[in-house]
Amino acid sequence: MDALLLMVVCFAGYLLAYHTYGKFLARKIFKLRSDAPVPSHEYRDGIDFVPTRKGIIFGHHFTSIAGTGPIVGPAIGIIWGWLPAILWVTLGCIFMGAVHDFGSLVVSVRNEGKSISEIAARYINKRVRMIFFLIVFLALLIIIAIFGLVIATVFKLYPESVIAVWLEVPIAIILGWAIYKKSANVTLATVVAVAAMYAGVVLGAWLEHIRPGLCSFPETGIIKPAGMWTIILLIYVWFASTLPVTTLLQPRDYINAWQLFIMMGLLVIGVAASAFFSGPAFAMTAPAINKVGSDIPPLFPMMFVTIACGAISGFHSLVASGTSTKQIAREPDAQFVGYGSMLMEGVLAVLVILCIAAGLGMGFKGQTGPGVWQGFYGSWLGAKGLGDKLQPVVVGASNMMGSIGIPQTLGFAIMGVFISSFAGTTMDTATRIQRYVVAELSEDMHLPFLSNRRAATTIAVLSAAVLAFVDTSHGKITFGASGTGAMKLWPLFGTVNQLLAALALLVVTMYLKKKGGLKYLVAAIPCLMMLVVTGWAMVLNEITFIQTQNILLAAIGGVVFLLAAWMTLETVILFCRKSPTDSPV
C-alpha cells in the first residue's frame, strides 16, 4: 500500500475515533461534568496540585507517556511486518490504549487524585494494594535507571543533541516564570521558547561540526561516559521531582510537546514530499507480513508486549493517576488529555513505522530498496543494542526530511534531540511518580518522615542509582562503572509494563461495574485480552529464563506473575458477587 495513503487512512481513523468513541466514553460511560469537584482545586498546594489549562497539561501528559516507547517499540515490532504493526497501533490504540489512559485518569480524578495502586484498594480490596505497589515500584525503578542510560546512549550516538537538550532546562524555567509569575501571553511565550529551543538544536549541530567531541565525556576515568551522564541525569531528576510542577516539569514537557508536534509535522510533510518527488524510490520496502527467522519470537503474543506505547502501555496509567490527575482543571478536559494524548501517540507510532517501512529503503550506505530493510531486520533486533534499535528510525526519518531540503547532519541533530528529550521527560515524570508511590507507602506504614517529598524523592533516585551501578554478576556485588546494571532487569520490562496495563484496566472495570449496567465491558474486554496476552508472554519468557539459567530474571518474573495472578483472582471473586460493596464515586 502507498505510504501516503496509509498515513491518511490511519490519521482519519484516529480523528474519527476521538469524535465518536471518545465522546461516547466521556458522555455515556464516565458522564463527565464541568461542575464536578476535581483534586487540583480541592487540594491546591502550588507544588503538585495545580489547576492547569488543558492545552498545557496535554503537552505535559503527552510528552510524559510518549518517551522513546512509541519509537523503539514499533522499530522492533515491525520485524513481523508493517501490517500487523499498523493494525495494533491503530485498533489497539483506539479501543484499548486510549480507554486505559482515559479510564485511569477519570477514576483517579474522582478519587482525590490518588494513584491507581491506592485506588485498587478501594474498588477491589486492601490486599491488592501492596501487590500493585510492588509491581509499580519495580516498573518505575527499571524506567528511571534505564532511561538515564538511554539518554546517555543517545548523547554518545548524537553528541550534537547534548547542548540543545540541556538548554531546554533554563528555557523551560523562564517560560514557567513568564506565564505563572508575569502573566505573559501564552501563545507569544510559547513561540519564543520553541524558537529558542530550535536555535539550540542548530547551535549544537554547528558546534559539533566545527569541534567534534566537544560535548562528550572522555573514555578514561573510573566512571565511564554513560555512567557520568546517568549520575548527572539522576541529580537533575531529583530537582525536577521536588520543585513545584509549574517551575520545571510542566513547562519543559509543554515545549517538548511542541518540539514533537513540529517533528511529526516535518515527518508528515516528508512522507507527502517523498511520495510526490521521490517516485518509485519511496515505497513500502518492508514486507506487509514477514516470514520471520528462527531467532525471532512468535508474533502472538510477543508483538503485543514488544509494541506497547503507541498501542497500550501500563506506564500511562501511572502518569494519568500520578501527575496529570493533579492538574486537570475540569472533568471534561480528561477526554482531550487522556483519550486525545493516546491517539496522538498512535500517530507518532504510525509515522515511526512509515519511516522504517518506506523511508529506510530510500537509501543507506549507498544501498536502496528492500535490501536496506533486510540488512537491519535479517535477525532479531530486540537482542541488539539501543543504537541498533534507533538507527532504522533515524535513517528513515532523515531520508524523508531530506525530501524537503533538510540536510542529513541537521536531520540527525533534530532526531537526537527529539529522542533524548522525550526520554528525559519520561525519566523525570517517572521519578515524580515514584516519589508519590514511596510517599503513599510511607503513609500506609505510618512512617511520615519518609513521605516528605525530598525524602521520598531521595529514595526513588538512590534505589535507581543502586540498580544502575551495582553489578551482581559472577555471584558477587561490584561497582559497575558504566551504569548499565539495570539492563539485567530490562528483559522483564515489556511484560511487566503490559501487565500494569491489564491490572489498571481491572481497576477501571471494577469502578464501572459498581456503577451498574454493562458499562464495564468497555474496559473488561481489553483487560481480558491483555491478561491473556501478557500472561502467555510471561510464561514464554519464564521458559527462556530457565533454559538459559538466568535465575535472577526467572525468580523476579515468577514472583511478579504470581502476584498478578493473585490480584486477578481477588478481582474475579469480587466481580462475581451479586452485590459488591459500595465504594466511593
Protein backbone atom coordinates (compact mmCIF):
# COMPACT_ATOMS: atom_id res chain seq x y z
CA MET A 1 0.00 0.00 0.00
CA ASP A 2 1.20 3.52 -0.76
CA ALA A 3 2.74 5.07 2.38
CA LEU A 4 0.94 8.39 1.91
CA LEU A 5 -2.46 6.70 1.57
CA LEU A 6 -1.76 4.51 4.62
CA MET A 7 -0.85 7.57 6.68
CA VAL A 8 -4.03 9.43 5.67
CA VAL A 9 -6.25 6.42 6.45
CA CYS A 10 -4.71 5.92 9.90
CA PHE A 11 -4.89 9.61 10.80
CA ALA A 12 -8.51 9.83 9.66
CA GLY A 13 -9.29 6.81 11.81
CA TYR A 14 -7.81 8.45 14.91
CA LEU A 15 -9.72 11.69 14.28
CA LEU A 16 -12.98 9.83 13.76
CA ALA A 17 -12.40 7.76 16.91
CA TYR A 18 -11.87 10.86 19.06
CA HIS A 19 -15.16 12.43 17.95
CA THR A 20 -17.18 9.21 18.19
CA TYR A 21 -15.89 6.59 20.61
CA GLY A 22 -14.06 9.17 22.70
CA LYS A 23 -17.20 11.27 23.11
CA PHE A 24 -19.24 8.14 23.84
CA LEU A 25 -16.88 7.27 26.71
CA ALA A 26 -16.91 10.84 28.02
CA ARG A 27 -20.67 11.39 27.87
CA LYS A 28 -22.29 7.98 28.24
CA ILE A 29 -19.78 5.84 30.14
CA PHE A 30 -17.99 8.22 32.51
CA LYS A 31 -20.53 11.09 32.32
CA LEU A 32 -18.01 13.88 32.78
CA ARG A 33 -19.37 17.08 34.35
CA SER A 34 -17.97 20.60 34.22
CA ASP A 35 -19.27 21.39 37.72
CA ALA A 36 -17.81 18.29 39.39
CA PRO A 37 -15.11 18.88 42.05
CA VAL A 38 -11.56 17.98 40.97
CA PRO A 39 -8.41 17.40 43.07
CA SER A 40 -6.44 20.28 41.50
CA HIS A 41 -8.89 22.75 43.08
CA GLU A 42 -9.77 20.85 46.26
CA TYR A 43 -6.15 20.15 47.27
CA ARG A 44 -4.38 23.01 45.52
CA ASP A 45 -0.88 23.43 47.01
CA GLY A 46 1.11 25.11 44.22
CA ILE A 47 3.56 22.18 44.10
CA ASP A 48 1.73 19.10 42.78
CA PHE A 49 -1.95 20.09 42.77
CA VAL A 50 -2.21 22.97 40.29
CA PRO A 51 -5.30 23.64 38.07
CA THR A 52 -3.96 23.90 34.51
CA ARG A 53 -5.45 24.78 31.14
CA LYS A 54 -5.96 21.65 29.08
CA GLY A 55 -3.59 22.67 26.27
CA ILE A 56 -0.64 22.92 28.67
CA ILE A 57 -1.46 19.75 30.56
CA PHE A 58 -1.91 17.95 27.22
CA GLY A 59 1.70 18.84 26.49
CA HIS A 60 2.88 17.54 29.85
CA HIS A 61 0.86 14.34 29.65
CA PHE A 62 1.67 13.60 26.01
CA THR A 63 5.43 14.01 26.38
CA SER A 64 5.43 12.02 29.63
CA ILE A 65 3.68 9.00 28.13
CA ALA A 66 5.46 9.19 24.77
CA GLY A 67 9.13 9.00 25.71
CA THR A 68 11.06 6.61 23.47
CA GLY A 69 8.39 3.90 23.74
CA PRO A 70 6.47 4.69 20.51
CA ILE A 71 9.85 4.86 18.75
CA VAL A 72 11.71 1.78 19.98
CA GLY A 73 8.65 -0.50 20.24
CA PRO A 74 7.49 -0.12 16.61
CA ALA A 75 11.14 -0.12 15.47
CA ILE A 76 11.46 -3.66 16.88
CA GLY A 77 7.90 -4.85 16.26
CA ILE A 78 7.92 -4.12 12.53
CA ILE A 79 10.07 -7.24 12.13
CA TRP A 80 6.79 -9.19 11.95
CA GLY A 81 5.71 -6.94 9.06
CA TRP A 82 4.26 -3.48 8.75
CA LEU A 83 0.64 -4.70 8.52
CA PRO A 84 0.33 -6.31 11.99
CA ALA A 85 2.26 -3.39 13.47
CA ILE A 86 -0.07 -0.81 11.88
CA LEU A 87 -3.21 -2.72 12.89
CA TRP A 88 -2.04 -2.96 16.51
CA VAL A 89 -1.12 0.72 16.86
CA THR A 90 -4.42 1.85 15.31
CA LEU A 91 -7.10 -0.53 16.57
CA GLY A 92 -5.23 -1.26 19.80
CA CYS A 93 -4.75 2.44 20.46
CA ILE A 94 -8.40 3.38 19.79
CA PHE A 95 -10.17 0.57 21.66
CA MET A 96 -7.62 -0.39 24.31
CA GLY A 97 -4.82 2.09 24.96
CA ALA A 98 -6.93 5.26 24.88
CA VAL A 99 -9.63 3.62 27.02
CA HIS A 100 -6.93 2.55 29.51
CA ASP A 101 -5.43 6.06 29.74
CA PHE A 102 -8.77 7.88 29.79
CA GLY A 103 -10.27 5.50 32.36
CA SER A 104 -7.24 5.66 34.68
CA LEU A 105 -7.31 9.46 34.57
CA VAL A 106 -11.05 9.78 35.28
CA VAL A 107 -11.05 7.22 38.11
CA SER A 108 -8.11 9.00 39.76
CA VAL A 109 -9.70 12.44 39.34
CA ARG A 110 -12.79 11.09 41.14
CA ASN A 111 -10.68 9.62 43.96
CA GLU A 112 -8.74 12.62 45.30
CA GLY A 113 -6.00 12.27 42.67
CA LYS A 114 -4.76 9.03 44.24
CA SER A 115 -2.54 6.62 42.32
CA ILE A 116 -4.04 3.64 40.57
CA SER A 117 -2.38 1.43 43.21
CA GLU A 118 -4.19 3.20 46.05
CA ILE A 119 -7.47 3.18 44.14
CA ALA A 120 -7.17 -0.61 43.70
CA ALA A 121 -7.68 -0.96 47.46
CA ARG A 122 -10.95 0.99 47.24
CA TYR A 123 -12.52 -0.89 44.37
CA ILE A 124 -11.10 -4.37 44.93
CA ASN A 125 -9.66 -4.84 48.45
CA LYS A 126 -6.76 -3.73 50.63
CA ARG A 127 -4.73 -6.86 49.95
CA VAL A 128 -4.23 -5.97 46.30
CA ARG A 129 -2.87 -2.52 47.13
CA MET A 130 0.52 -3.87 48.22
CA ILE A 131 0.61 -6.20 45.20
CA PHE A 132 0.03 -3.28 42.85
CA PHE A 133 2.51 -1.08 44.70
CA LEU A 134 5.26 -3.70 44.41
CA ILE A 135 4.72 -4.15 40.66
CA VAL A 136 4.56 -0.38 40.10
CA PHE A 137 7.70 0.25 42.17
CA LEU A 138 9.63 -2.36 40.18
CA ALA A 139 8.46 -0.96 36.83
CA LEU A 140 9.34 2.63 37.77
CA LEU A 141 12.68 1.55 39.22
CA ILE A 142 13.64 0.00 35.89
CA ILE A 143 12.37 3.02 33.93
CA ILE A 144 14.33 5.58 35.95
CA ALA A 145 17.57 3.57 35.84
CA ILE A 146 17.27 2.54 32.20
CA PHE A 147 16.19 5.87 30.75
CA GLY A 148 19.28 7.52 32.19
CA LEU A 149 21.27 5.00 30.15
CA VAL A 150 19.01 5.59 27.11
CA ILE A 151 19.76 9.33 27.16
CA ALA A 152 23.46 8.68 27.75
CA THR A 153 23.50 6.34 24.73
CA VAL A 154 21.76 8.92 22.54
CA PHE A 155 24.26 11.56 23.67
CA LYS A 156 27.07 9.23 22.59
CA LEU A 157 25.44 8.42 19.23
CA TYR A 158 24.37 12.01 18.52
CA PRO A 159 26.61 14.39 20.54
CA GLU A 160 25.14 17.32 18.61
CA SER A 161 21.99 16.86 20.73
CA VAL A 162 23.66 17.49 24.11
CA ILE A 163 23.65 21.30 24.13
CA ALA A 164 20.08 21.57 22.84
CA VAL A 165 18.73 19.12 25.44
CA TRP A 166 20.33 20.90 28.41
CA LEU A 167 19.35 24.34 27.08
CA GLU A 168 15.74 23.20 27.41
CA VAL A 169 16.05 23.40 31.21
CA PRO A 170 16.65 27.19 31.51
CA ILE A 171 14.24 27.83 28.63
CA ALA A 172 11.52 25.88 30.48
CA ILE A 173 12.18 27.64 33.80
CA ILE A 174 11.96 31.06 32.12
CA LEU A 175 8.77 30.02 30.30
CA GLY A 176 7.14 28.86 33.56
CA TRP A 177 8.19 32.08 35.30
CA ALA A 178 6.87 34.24 32.45
CA ILE A 179 3.45 32.53 32.33
CA TYR A 180 2.77 31.94 36.02
CA LYS A 181 4.59 34.88 37.63
CA LYS A 182 4.35 37.58 34.98
CA SER A 183 1.08 36.53 33.27
CA ALA A 184 2.76 36.57 29.87
CA ASN A 185 0.74 35.81 26.75
CA VAL A 186 0.89 32.01 26.45
CA THR A 187 0.98 31.97 22.65
CA LEU A 188 3.78 34.53 22.37
CA ALA A 189 5.78 32.91 25.19
CA THR A 190 5.41 29.52 23.51
CA VAL A 191 6.65 30.82 20.15
CA VAL A 192 9.71 32.43 21.78
CA ALA A 193 10.51 29.32 23.85
CA VAL A 194 10.19 26.90 20.93
CA ALA A 195 12.26 29.18 18.69
CA ALA A 196 14.96 29.32 21.37
CA MET A 197 14.86 25.53 21.66
CA TYR A 198 15.38 25.02 17.92
CA ALA A 199 18.14 27.65 17.95
CA GLY A 200 19.80 25.34 20.48
CA VAL A 201 19.44 22.43 18.04
CA VAL A 202 21.17 24.41 15.28
CA LEU A 203 23.85 25.60 17.73
CA GLY A 204 24.56 22.05 18.88
CA ALA A 205 24.84 20.77 15.32
CA TRP A 206 27.16 23.65 14.36
CA LEU A 207 29.46 23.25 17.38
CA GLU A 208 29.74 19.51 16.87
CA HIS A 209 30.57 20.14 13.21
CA ILE A 210 33.39 22.61 13.90
CA ARG A 211 34.68 20.83 17.01
CA PRO A 212 33.73 17.14 17.15
CA GLY A 213 33.61 15.63 20.63
CA LEU A 214 33.10 18.98 22.36
CA CYS A 215 30.13 17.70 24.35
CA SER A 216 31.40 14.18 25.01
CA PHE A 217 32.99 12.81 28.17
CA PRO A 218 36.44 11.24 27.67
CA GLU A 219 36.56 7.42 27.79
CA THR A 220 39.22 7.47 30.51
CA GLY A 221 38.39 7.61 34.21
CA ILE A 222 36.86 5.44 36.92
CA ILE A 223 33.31 6.11 35.74
CA LYS A 224 32.56 5.59 32.05
CA PRO A 225 30.84 8.33 29.98
CA ALA A 226 27.46 6.55 30.15
CA GLY A 227 27.83 6.32 33.91
CA MET A 228 28.71 10.03 34.21
CA TRP A 229 25.63 11.03 32.23
CA THR A 230 23.49 8.71 34.34
CA ILE A 231 24.73 10.38 37.55
CA ILE A 232 24.11 13.87 36.17
CA LEU A 233 20.61 12.88 34.98
CA LEU A 234 19.72 11.34 38.37
CA ILE A 235 20.76 14.57 40.09
CA TYR A 236 18.65 16.52 37.59
CA VAL A 237 15.52 14.39 38.12
CA TRP A 238 15.86 14.79 41.91
CA PHE A 239 15.42 18.54 41.49
CA ALA A 240 12.79 18.16 38.75
CA SER A 241 10.72 15.95 41.07
CA THR A 242 10.93 18.16 44.15
CA LEU A 243 10.40 21.56 42.51
CA PRO A 244 6.83 22.82 42.04
CA VAL A 245 5.35 21.28 38.92
CA THR A 246 4.95 24.70 37.28
CA THR A 247 8.64 25.57 37.74
CA LEU A 248 10.26 22.97 35.50
CA LEU A 249 8.33 19.75 34.83
CA GLN A 250 5.20 21.21 33.28
CA PRO A 251 6.83 23.94 31.09
CA ARG A 252 9.59 21.58 29.93
CA ASP A 253 7.07 18.95 28.92
CA TYR A 254 4.97 21.64 27.25
CA ILE A 255 7.76 22.93 24.99
CA ASN A 256 8.84 19.35 24.32
CA ALA A 257 5.30 18.69 23.14
CA TRP A 258 5.68 21.48 20.60
CA GLN A 259 9.02 20.02 19.58
CA LEU A 260 7.24 16.74 18.96
CA PHE A 261 4.40 18.40 17.03
CA ILE A 262 6.93 20.14 14.79
CA MET A 263 8.92 16.92 14.38
CA MET A 264 5.79 15.00 13.48
CA GLY A 265 4.80 17.81 11.10
CA LEU A 266 8.18 17.52 9.35
CA LEU A 267 7.69 13.77 9.01
CA VAL A 268 4.15 14.18 7.64
CA ILE A 269 5.41 16.70 5.08
CA GLY A 270 8.35 14.38 4.42
CA VAL A 271 6.01 11.47 3.65
CA ALA A 272 4.00 13.63 1.24
CA ALA A 273 7.08 15.14 -0.41
CA SER A 274 8.75 11.74 -0.75
CA ALA A 275 5.61 10.28 -2.31
CA PHE A 276 5.36 13.10 -4.87
CA PHE A 277 9.02 13.81 -5.65
CA SER A 278 10.90 10.56 -4.97
CA GLY A 279 8.56 8.35 -7.00
CA PRO A 280 9.43 4.64 -7.01
CA ALA A 281 12.32 5.27 -4.60
CA PHE A 282 9.74 5.91 -1.88
CA ALA A 283 7.78 2.70 -1.46
CA MET A 284 6.84 0.21 1.24
CA THR A 285 10.05 -1.77 1.04
CA ALA A 286 9.32 -3.66 4.26
CA PRO A 287 7.09 -6.74 3.82
CA ALA A 288 3.45 -6.48 4.87
CA ILE A 289 3.80 -9.79 6.72
CA ASN A 290 7.32 -11.03 7.28
CA LYS A 291 8.32 -14.69 7.28
CA VAL A 292 10.49 -14.43 10.37
CA GLY A 293 13.69 -16.29 11.09
CA SER A 294 14.28 -18.95 13.72
CA ASP A 295 15.71 -16.49 16.27
CA ILE A 296 12.60 -14.27 16.23
CA PRO A 297 9.83 -14.85 18.83
CA PRO A 298 6.29 -15.73 17.67
CA LEU A 299 4.09 -12.81 16.62
CA PHE A 300 1.39 -13.85 19.07
CA PRO A 301 1.79 -12.98 21.89
CA MET A 302 5.20 -11.29 21.67
CA MET A 303 4.33 -8.41 19.31
CA PHE A 304 1.72 -7.22 21.80
CA VAL A 305 4.30 -6.81 24.57
CA THR A 306 7.02 -5.52 22.22
CA ILE A 307 4.92 -2.68 20.79
CA ALA A 308 3.47 -1.09 23.94
CA CYS A 309 3.50 2.71 23.70
CA GLY A 310 1.52 3.61 20.59
CA ALA A 311 -0.98 0.83 21.28
CA ILE A 312 -1.38 0.34 25.06
CA SER A 313 1.11 0.83 27.89
CA GLY A 314 0.71 0.35 31.62
CA PHE A 315 3.12 3.20 32.37
CA HIS A 316 0.47 5.59 31.05
CA SER A 317 -1.86 4.70 33.94
CA LEU A 318 0.86 5.79 36.35
CA VAL A 319 1.18 9.18 34.63
CA ALA A 320 -2.61 9.59 34.39
CA SER A 321 -3.11 8.81 38.09
CA GLY A 322 0.17 10.41 39.16
CA THR A 323 0.94 13.88 37.80
CA SER A 324 -1.84 14.60 35.29
CA THR A 325 -4.74 13.89 37.66
CA LYS A 326 -3.44 16.61 39.98
CA GLN A 327 -3.56 19.24 37.22
CA ILE A 328 -6.93 18.58 35.50
CA ALA A 329 -8.98 21.76 35.99
CA ARG A 330 -12.34 20.36 34.78
CA GLU A 331 -13.60 16.82 34.32
CA PRO A 332 -14.39 17.24 30.57
CA ASP A 333 -10.70 18.08 29.97
CA ALA A 334 -9.95 14.41 30.68
CA GLN A 335 -11.11 13.36 27.22
CA PHE A 336 -8.66 15.71 25.50
CA VAL A 337 -5.79 14.91 27.86
CA GLY A 338 -6.36 11.17 28.37
CA TYR A 339 -8.02 9.86 25.21
CA GLY A 340 -6.57 12.52 22.88
CA SER A 341 -2.97 12.13 24.06
CA MET A 342 -3.05 8.40 23.47
CA LEU A 343 -4.37 8.87 19.94
CA MET A 344 -1.60 11.38 19.28
CA GLU A 345 0.90 8.81 20.45
CA GLY A 346 -0.65 6.40 17.97
CA VAL A 347 0.00 9.00 15.26
CA LEU A 348 3.67 9.07 16.27
CA ALA A 349 3.88 5.26 16.18
CA VAL A 350 2.40 5.21 12.67
CA LEU A 351 4.99 7.75 11.49
CA VAL A 352 7.79 5.67 13.01
CA ILE A 353 6.52 2.58 11.17
CA LEU A 354 6.42 4.55 7.90
CA CYS A 355 9.96 5.86 8.48
CA ILE A 356 11.18 2.27 8.61
CA ALA A 357 8.81 0.60 6.13
CA ALA A 358 9.26 3.26 3.41
CA GLY A 359 11.84 5.89 4.40
CA LEU A 360 14.59 3.40 5.20
CA GLY A 361 14.55 1.99 1.67
CA MET A 362 15.31 5.43 0.21
CA GLY A 363 18.97 4.86 0.94
CA PHE A 364 21.60 3.81 3.46
CA LYS A 365 25.34 3.48 2.75
CA GLY A 366 24.78 3.50 -0.99
CA GLN A 367 22.10 0.83 -0.99
CA THR A 368 18.38 1.33 -1.68
CA GLY A 369 15.21 -0.76 -1.74
CA PRO A 370 14.19 -3.86 0.25
CA GLY A 371 17.81 -4.83 0.84
CA VAL A 372 18.23 -1.94 3.27
CA TRP A 373 15.33 -3.18 5.40
CA GLN A 374 16.64 -6.74 5.26
CA GLY A 375 20.05 -5.53 6.37
CA PHE A 376 18.56 -4.25 9.61
CA TYR A 377 15.90 -6.91 10.14
CA GLY A 378 17.57 -10.09 8.98
CA SER A 379 17.85 -11.12 12.64
CA TRP A 380 16.02 -10.33 15.88
CA LEU A 381 16.56 -6.61 16.50
CA GLY A 382 15.30 -6.91 20.07
CA ALA A 383 18.50 -8.70 21.07
CA LYS A 384 20.71 -5.89 19.77
CA GLY A 385 21.84 -2.67 21.44
CA LEU A 386 19.89 0.57 21.71
CA GLY A 387 21.84 2.18 18.88
CA ASP A 388 20.87 -0.65 16.53
CA LYS A 389 17.20 -0.26 17.54
CA LEU A 390 17.19 3.51 16.94
CA GLN A 391 19.23 3.62 13.74
CA PRO A 392 16.48 2.45 11.33
CA VAL A 393 14.15 5.19 12.62
CA VAL A 394 16.79 7.92 12.46
CA VAL A 395 17.96 6.94 8.97
CA GLY A 396 14.41 6.63 7.61
CA ALA A 397 13.30 9.93 9.16
CA SER A 398 16.40 11.74 7.89
CA ASN A 399 15.79 10.36 4.39
CA MET A 400 12.22 11.69 4.39
CA MET A 401 13.25 15.06 5.82
CA GLY A 402 15.88 15.22 3.10
CA SER A 403 12.99 15.31 0.62
CA ILE A 404 12.07 18.75 1.95
CA GLY A 405 15.63 20.09 1.91
CA ILE A 406 16.81 19.36 5.47
CA PRO A 407 20.49 18.31 5.41
CA GLN A 408 21.25 14.89 6.89
CA THR A 409 23.54 16.35 9.58
CA LEU A 410 20.76 18.63 10.81
CA GLY A 411 18.27 15.77 10.48
CA PHE A 412 20.41 13.63 12.79
CA ALA A 413 20.61 16.53 15.29
CA ILE A 414 16.84 17.03 15.23
CA MET A 415 16.22 13.30 15.76
CA GLY A 416 18.86 13.08 18.51
CA VAL A 417 17.34 15.97 20.44
CA PHE A 418 13.87 14.59 19.82
CA ILE A 419 14.67 11.11 21.22
CA SER A 420 16.76 12.22 24.19
CA SER A 421 14.30 14.99 25.16
CA PHE A 422 11.43 12.57 25.35
CA ALA A 423 13.45 10.01 27.25
CA GLY A 424 14.16 12.85 29.69
CA THR A 425 10.51 13.79 30.13
CA THR A 426 9.67 10.15 30.84
CA MET A 427 12.54 9.88 33.31
CA ASP A 428 11.64 12.96 35.37
CA THR A 429 7.92 12.16 35.34
CA ALA A 430 8.68 8.58 36.42
CA THR A 431 10.79 9.91 39.29
CA ARG A 432 7.99 12.18 40.45
CA ILE A 433 5.50 9.30 40.28
CA GLN A 434 7.91 7.05 42.18
CA ARG A 435 8.03 9.77 44.81
CA TYR A 436 4.24 9.56 45.11
CA VAL A 437 4.47 5.76 45.41
CA VAL A 438 7.08 5.95 48.18
CA ALA A 439 5.07 8.66 49.98
CA GLU A 440 1.82 6.66 49.84
CA LEU A 441 3.59 3.52 51.07
CA SER A 442 5.20 5.51 53.89
CA GLU A 443 1.85 6.88 54.99
CA ASP A 444 0.35 3.38 54.98
CA MET A 445 3.28 2.12 57.08
CA HIS A 446 2.98 5.10 59.49
CA LEU A 447 6.41 6.49 58.56
CA PRO A 448 5.55 10.14 57.90
CA PHE A 449 9.18 11.30 57.74
CA LEU A 450 9.62 9.26 54.54
CA SER A 451 6.54 10.78 52.89
CA ASN A 452 8.26 14.18 52.73
CA ARG A 453 8.76 14.99 49.05
CA ARG A 454 12.54 15.37 49.40
CA ALA A 455 12.97 12.16 51.41
CA ALA A 456 10.67 10.20 49.10
CA THR A 457 12.49 11.51 46.01
CA THR A 458 15.85 10.61 47.53
CA ILE A 459 14.67 7.02 48.00
CA ALA A 460 13.41 6.93 44.41
CA VAL A 461 16.69 8.27 42.99
CA LEU A 462 19.07 6.26 45.19
CA SER A 463 17.26 2.98 44.51
CA ALA A 464 17.56 3.66 40.76
CA ALA A 465 21.26 4.53 41.20
CA VAL A 466 21.88 1.25 43.04
CA LEU A 467 20.16 -0.67 40.23
CA ALA A 468 22.20 1.21 37.62
CA PHE A 469 25.65 0.98 39.23
CA VAL A 470 25.68 -2.24 41.27
CA ASP A 471 26.76 -5.31 39.31
CA THR A 472 25.65 -8.65 40.74
CA SER A 473 27.16 -10.90 38.06
CA HIS A 474 29.54 -13.72 38.81
CA GLY A 475 27.99 -14.28 42.23
CA LYS A 476 29.39 -11.14 43.88
CA ILE A 477 28.44 -7.49 44.27
CA THR A 478 30.70 -5.00 42.47
CA PHE A 479 30.58 -1.41 41.19
CA GLY A 480 29.50 -1.11 37.57
CA ALA A 481 31.25 1.99 36.22
CA SER A 482 29.15 2.16 33.05
CA GLY A 483 25.79 2.48 34.86
CA THR A 484 24.30 -0.40 32.88
CA GLY A 485 23.25 -2.60 35.81
CA ALA A 486 19.54 -2.05 35.15
CA MET A 487 19.92 -3.77 31.78
CA LYS A 488 19.81 -7.09 33.64
CA LEU A 489 16.16 -6.46 34.50
CA TRP A 490 15.24 -4.81 31.20
CA PRO A 491 14.03 -8.10 29.59
CA LEU A 492 11.27 -8.08 32.21
CA PHE A 493 10.06 -4.59 31.45
CA GLY A 494 7.96 -5.34 28.36
CA THR A 495 5.78 -7.90 30.10
CA VAL A 496 5.68 -6.03 33.44
CA ASN A 497 4.61 -2.86 31.64
CA GLN A 498 1.80 -4.61 29.77
CA LEU A 499 0.81 -6.41 32.96
CA LEU A 500 0.37 -3.00 34.57
CA ALA A 501 -2.00 -2.07 31.73
CA ALA A 502 -4.09 -5.17 32.37
CA LEU A 503 -4.21 -4.51 36.12
CA ALA A 504 -5.12 -0.84 35.63
CA LEU A 505 -7.96 -1.94 33.35
CA LEU A 506 -9.05 -4.33 36.11
CA VAL A 507 -9.44 -1.35 38.44
CA VAL A 508 -11.33 0.67 35.82
CA THR A 509 -13.57 -2.35 35.17
CA MET A 510 -14.44 -2.64 38.87
CA TYR A 511 -15.11 1.11 39.07
CA LEU A 512 -17.58 0.88 36.16
CA LYS A 513 -19.07 -2.39 37.47
CA LYS A 514 -20.09 -0.62 40.67
CA LYS A 515 -21.90 1.98 38.55
CA GLY A 516 -24.29 -0.70 37.28
CA GLY A 517 -25.24 -1.91 33.84
CA LEU A 518 -22.85 -3.16 31.20
CA LYS A 519 -20.62 -0.08 31.05
CA TYR A 520 -17.74 -2.09 32.44
CA LEU A 521 -17.41 -4.01 29.14
CA VAL A 522 -15.51 -1.12 27.51
CA ALA A 523 -12.67 -1.81 29.99
CA ALA A 524 -13.29 -5.50 30.72
CA ILE A 525 -12.83 -6.73 27.14
CA PRO A 526 -9.42 -5.08 26.58
CA CYS A 527 -8.48 -6.09 30.14
CA LEU A 528 -9.19 -9.75 29.40
CA MET A 529 -7.17 -9.64 26.19
CA MET A 530 -4.18 -8.03 27.92
CA LEU A 531 -4.30 -10.54 30.77
CA VAL A 532 -4.24 -13.45 28.31
CA VAL A 533 -1.56 -11.98 26.04
CA THR A 534 0.69 -10.80 28.86
CA GLY A 535 0.30 -13.99 30.88
CA TRP A 536 1.20 -16.05 27.82
CA ALA A 537 4.24 -13.87 27.10
CA MET A 538 5.40 -14.09 30.72
CA VAL A 539 5.20 -17.89 30.62
CA LEU A 540 7.26 -17.97 27.39
CA ASN A 541 9.82 -15.63 28.96
CA GLU A 542 9.98 -17.77 32.10
CA ILE A 543 10.74 -20.83 29.98
CA THR A 544 13.53 -18.93 28.23
CA PHE A 545 14.98 -17.62 31.51
CA ILE A 546 15.01 -21.12 33.00
CA GLN A 547 16.52 -22.69 29.88
CA THR A 548 19.32 -20.09 29.86
CA GLN A 549 19.77 -20.49 33.64
CA ASN A 550 19.05 -16.80 34.25
CA ILE A 551 17.95 -17.35 37.84
CA LEU A 552 17.55 -13.63 38.69
CA LEU A 553 15.08 -12.93 35.88
CA ALA A 554 13.30 -16.24 36.37
CA ALA A 555 12.82 -15.55 40.09
CA ILE A 556 11.64 -11.94 39.75
CA GLY A 557 9.46 -12.72 36.73
CA GLY A 558 7.90 -15.68 38.52
CA VAL A 559 7.10 -13.61 41.62
CA VAL A 560 5.54 -10.83 39.52
CA PHE A 561 3.45 -13.38 37.60
CA LEU A 562 2.17 -14.97 40.82
CA LEU A 563 1.35 -11.56 42.34
CA ALA A 564 -0.58 -10.58 39.24
CA ALA A 565 -2.46 -13.90 39.24
CA TRP A 566 -3.34 -13.33 42.90
CA MET A 567 -4.67 -9.83 42.21
CA THR A 568 -6.66 -11.08 39.22
CA LEU A 569 -8.20 -13.89 41.27
CA GLU A 570 -9.17 -11.46 44.05
CA THR A 571 -10.85 -9.24 41.45
CA VAL A 572 -12.71 -12.09 39.76
CA ILE A 573 -14.10 -13.25 43.11
CA LEU A 574 -15.34 -9.74 43.89
CA PHE A 575 -16.66 -9.26 40.35
CA CYS A 576 -18.79 -12.40 40.58
CA ARG A 577 -20.53 -11.32 43.76
CA LYS A 578 -24.15 -10.36 43.25
CA SER A 579 -23.98 -7.25 45.44
CA PRO A 580 -20.49 -5.79 45.57
CA THR A 581 -19.77 -3.49 48.46
CA ASP A 582 -20.27 0.19 47.94
CA SER A 583 -17.24 2.30 47.18
CA PRO A 584 -16.54 6.00 46.68
CA VAL A 585 -17.57 7.59 43.40
